[in-house]
Amino acid sequence: MHEVSICQSIINAVEEEFPEQLENIREVHLKVGLLSCVQPEFLQQVYKMMTADNELQRSVLSFERTEIKAECESCRQNFKVENYVFVCPVCNIPSNNITEGNELIIDKIILEEFTYEEVNQ
């Protein structure tokens, strides 16, 4: 259930960065690595629940899954990890030097001005 604390951290970061524009935020985009131990779909549900009654209620949380990539310590080749096999395809030596796939970051935030209908609700 660590998604609740992660969601709270995302909300805190957005509130800190855009204190005067919270009602204009429409989308919060995340990059979620396959090794991040986060269930993005569950995170979306928690975000929706946690923002239901505040200034971020019109925003949605979206995500992009990032692949696992590593660098071989032996030949320095960067490679995509397929099926969780951390072996360099060039020299066939195992590698634990992960360069991508652990991340959980706010990639971008999309703001939008209110429409006439939204202002006059």
C-alpha atoms as a PDB file:
ATOM      1  CA  MET A   1       0.000   0.000   0.000  1.00  0.00           C
ATOM      2  CA  HIS A   2       2.981   2.302  -0.519  1.00  0.00           C
ATOM      3  CA  GLU A   3       1.074   3.843  -3.442  1.00  0.00           C
ATOM      4  CA  VAL A   4      -0.768   6.089  -0.948  1.00  0.00           C
ATOM      5  CA  SER A   5       2.453   7.643   0.328  1.00  0.00           C
ATOM      6  CA  ILE A   6       3.829   7.901  -3.207  1.00  0.00           C
ATOM      7  CA  CYS A   7       0.644   9.633  -4.306  1.00  0.00           C
ATOM      8  CA  GLN A   8       0.864  12.040  -1.392  1.00  0.00           C
ATOM      9  CA  SER A   9       4.444  12.851  -2.387  1.00  0.00           C
ATOM     10  CA  ILE A  10       3.331  13.532  -5.974  1.00  0.00           C
ATOM     11  CA  ILE A  11       0.528  15.799  -4.770  1.00  0.00           C
ATOM     12  CA  ASN A  12       2.892  17.631  -2.394  1.00  0.00           C
ATOM     13  CA  ALA A  13       5.420  18.194  -5.195  1.00  0.00           C
ATOM     14  CA  VAL A  14       2.735  19.545  -7.535  1.00  0.00           C
ATOM     15  CA  GLU A  15       1.301  21.816  -4.830  1.00  0.00           C
ATOM     16  CA  GLU A  16       4.766  23.109  -3.989  1.00  0.00           C
ATOM     17  CA  GLU A  17       5.705  23.794  -7.615  1.00  0.00           C
ATOM     18  CA  PHE A  18       2.376  25.286  -8.770  1.00  0.00           C
ATOM     19  CA  PRO A  19       0.700  26.783  -5.673  1.00  0.00           C
ATOM     20  CA  GLU A  20      -1.286  29.404  -7.607  1.00  0.00           C
ATOM     21  CA  GLN A  21      -2.213  27.196 -10.580  1.00  0.00           C
ATOM     22  CA  LEU A  22      -3.546  24.000  -9.022  1.00  0.00           C
ATOM     23  CA  GLU A  23      -7.013  24.399 -10.538  1.00  0.00           C
ATOM     24  CA  ASN A  24      -5.442  24.704 -14.006  1.00  0.00           C
ATOM     25  CA  ILE A  25      -3.538  21.420 -13.820  1.00  0.00           C
ATOM     26  CA  ARG A  26      -5.123  18.875 -16.140  1.00  0.00           C
ATOM     27  CA  GLU A  27      -2.526  16.099 -16.336  1.00  0.00           C
ATOM     28  CA  VAL A  28       0.365  14.867 -14.244  1.00  0.00           C
ATOM     29  CA  HIS A  29       2.577  12.530 -16.283  1.00  0.00           C
ATOM     30  CA  LEU A  30       4.874  10.002 -14.635  1.00  0.00           C
ATOM     31  CA  LYS A  31       7.652   7.797 -15.920  1.00  0.00           C
ATOM     32  CA  VAL A  32       7.461   4.478 -14.108  1.00  0.00           C
ATOM     33  CA  GLY A  33      10.244   1.950 -14.501  1.00  0.00           C
ATOM     34  CA  LEU A  34       9.447  -1.729 -14.702  1.00  0.00           C
ATOM     35  CA  LEU A  35      11.664  -2.302 -11.645  1.00  0.00           C
ATOM     36  CA  SER A  36      10.121   0.497  -9.549  1.00  0.00           C
ATOM     37  CA  CYS A  37       7.783  -1.860  -7.618  1.00  0.00           C
ATOM     38  CA  VAL A  38       4.861   0.472  -8.312  1.00  0.00           C
ATOM     39  CA  GLN A  39       1.522  -0.499  -9.799  1.00  0.00           C
ATOM     40  CA  PRO A  40       0.669   2.559 -11.970  1.00  0.00           C
ATOM     41  CA  GLU A  41      -2.967   1.580 -12.444  1.00  0.00           C
ATOM     42  CA  PHE A  42      -3.454   1.409  -8.683  1.00  0.00           C
ATOM     43  CA  LEU A  43      -1.577   4.692  -8.314  1.00  0.00           C
ATOM     44  CA  GLN A  44      -4.072   6.298 -10.713  1.00  0.00           C
ATOM     45  CA  GLN A  45      -7.001   5.111  -8.594  1.00  0.00           C
ATOM     46  CA  VAL A  46      -5.405   6.373  -5.382  1.00  0.00           C
ATOM     47  CA  TYR A  47      -4.625   9.741  -7.022  1.00  0.00           C
ATOM     48  CA  LYS A  48      -8.236  10.098  -8.171  1.00  0.00           C
ATOM     49  CA  MET A  49      -9.470   9.324  -4.656  1.00  0.00           C
ATOM     50  CA  MET A  50      -6.979  11.672  -2.965  1.00  0.00           C
ATOM     51  CA  THR A  51      -7.760  14.595  -5.279  1.00  0.00           C
ATOM     52  CA  ALA A  52     -11.545  14.178  -5.385  1.00  0.00           C
ATOM     53  CA  ASP A  53     -12.227  17.067  -3.008  1.00  0.00           C
ATOM     54  CA  ASN A  54      -9.389  19.497  -3.639  1.00  0.00           C
ATOM     55  CA  GLU A  55      -8.050  21.874  -6.268  1.00  0.00           C
ATOM     56  CA  LEU A  56      -6.536  19.014  -8.278  1.00  0.00           C
ATOM     57  CA  GLN A  57      -9.874  17.266  -8.782  1.00  0.00           C
ATOM     58  CA  ARG A  58      -9.929  18.029 -12.529  1.00  0.00           C
ATOM     59  CA  SER A  59      -6.489  16.559 -13.075  1.00  0.00           C
ATOM     60  CA  VAL A  60      -5.596  13.030 -14.064  1.00  0.00           C
ATOM     61  CA  LEU A  61      -2.502  10.981 -13.417  1.00  0.00           C
ATOM     62  CA  SER A  62      -1.053   9.259 -16.452  1.00  0.00           C
ATOM     63  CA  PHE A  63       2.075   7.222 -16.855  1.00  0.00           C
ATOM     64  CA  GLU A  64       4.579   5.821 -19.283  1.00  0.00           C
ATOM     65  CA  ARG A  65       6.306   2.543 -18.476  1.00  0.00           C
ATOM     66  CA  THR A  66      10.054   2.645 -19.033  1.00  0.00           C
ATOM     67  CA  GLU A  67      12.029  -0.376 -20.121  1.00  0.00           C
ATOM     68  CA  ILE A  68      14.903  -1.890 -18.233  1.00  0.00           C
ATOM     69  CA  LYS A  69      18.289  -0.970 -19.642  1.00  0.00           C
ATOM     70  CA  ALA A  70      21.746  -1.841 -18.382  1.00  0.00           C
ATOM     71  CA  GLU A  71      25.383  -1.236 -19.165  1.00  0.00           C
ATOM     72  CA  CYS A  72      27.866  -4.085 -19.353  1.00  0.00           C
ATOM     73  CA  GLU A  73      30.737  -3.633 -16.914  1.00  0.00           C
ATOM     74  CA  SER A  74      33.014  -5.596 -19.218  1.00  0.00           C
ATOM     75  CA  CYS A  75      32.501  -4.140 -22.719  1.00  0.00           C
ATOM     76  CA  ARG A  76      30.543  -0.965 -21.761  1.00  0.00           C
ATOM     77  CA  GLN A  77      27.747  -1.864 -24.181  1.00  0.00           C
ATOM     78  CA  ASN A  78      24.331  -0.404 -23.286  1.00  0.00           C
ATOM     79  CA  PHE A  79      21.551  -2.907 -23.798  1.00  0.00           C
ATOM     80  CA  LYS A  80      17.850  -3.452 -23.259  1.00  0.00           C
ATOM     81  CA  VAL A  81      17.070  -6.146 -20.699  1.00  0.00           C
ATOM     82  CA  GLU A  82      14.662  -8.688 -22.181  1.00  0.00           C
ATOM     83  CA  ASN A  83      12.624 -11.031 -19.950  1.00  0.00           C
ATOM     84  CA  TYR A  84      14.625  -9.945 -16.884  1.00  0.00           C
ATOM     85  CA  VAL A  85      17.799 -11.550 -18.282  1.00  0.00           C
ATOM     86  CA  PHE A  86      20.612  -9.193 -17.289  1.00  0.00           C
ATOM     87  CA  VAL A  87      23.208 -10.569 -19.705  1.00  0.00           C
ATOM     88  CA  CYS A  88      25.065  -8.449 -22.254  1.00  0.00           C
ATOM     89  CA  PRO A  89      24.088  -9.543 -25.777  1.00  0.00           C
ATOM     90  CA  VAL A  90      27.532  -8.570 -27.100  1.00  0.00           C
ATOM     91  CA  CYS A  91      29.921 -10.371 -24.719  1.00  0.00           C
ATOM     92  CA  ASN A  92      27.412 -12.653 -22.928  1.00  0.00           C
ATOM     93  CA  ILE A  93      28.539 -11.521 -19.458  1.00  0.00           C
ATOM     94  CA  PRO A  94      25.955 -10.852 -16.696  1.00  0.00           C
ATOM     95  CA  SER A  95      25.549  -7.240 -15.637  1.00  0.00           C
ATOM     96  CA  ASN A  96      23.834  -5.605 -12.694  1.00  0.00           C
ATOM     97  CA  ASN A  97      24.611  -2.029 -13.760  1.00  0.00           C
ATOM     98  CA  ILE A  98      21.029  -0.842 -14.354  1.00  0.00           C
ATOM     99  CA  THR A  99      20.811   2.513 -16.132  1.00  0.00           C
ATOM    100  CA  GLU A 100      17.026   2.722 -16.635  1.00  0.00           C
ATOM    101  CA  GLY A 101      14.000   0.955 -15.234  1.00  0.00           C
ATOM    102  CA  ASN A 102      14.078   1.943 -11.545  1.00  0.00           C
ATOM    103  CA  GLU A 103      12.657   5.424 -11.990  1.00  0.00           C
ATOM    104  CA  LEU A 104       9.453   6.900 -10.691  1.00  0.00           C
ATOM    105  CA  ILE A 105       9.503  10.545 -11.711  1.00  0.00           C
ATOM    106  CA  ILE A 106       7.117  13.322 -12.561  1.00  0.00           C
ATOM    107  CA  ASP A 107       7.913  13.788 -16.236  1.00  0.00           C
ATOM    108  CA  LYS A 108       5.605  16.667 -17.088  1.00  0.00           C
ATOM    109  CA  ILE A 109       2.595  18.594 -15.891  1.00  0.00           C
ATOM    110  CA  ILE A 110       0.036  19.971 -18.301  1.00  0.00           C
ATOM    111  CA  LEU A 111      -1.804  23.134 -17.353  1.00  0.00           C
ATOM    112  CA  GLU A 112      -4.859  24.451 -19.098  1.00  0.00           C
ATOM    113  CA  GLU A 113      -6.806  27.653 -18.831  1.00  0.00           C
ATOM    114  CA  PHE A 114     -10.432  27.355 -17.785  1.00  0.00           C
ATOM    115  CA  THR A 115     -13.062  27.373 -20.515  1.00  0.00           C
ATOM    116  CA  TYR A 116     -15.989  29.761 -20.322  1.00  0.00           C
ATOM    117  CA  GLU A 117     -18.262  26.890 -19.237  1.00  0.00           C
ATOM    118  CA  GLU A 118     -15.949  25.879 -16.405  1.00  0.00           C
ATOM    119  CA  VAL A 119     -15.728  29.432 -15.085  1.00  0.00           C
ATOM    120  CA  ASN A 120     -19.515  29.802 -15.090  1.00  0.00           C
ATOM    121  CA  GLN A 121     -20.453  26.559 -13.375  1.00  0.00           C
END
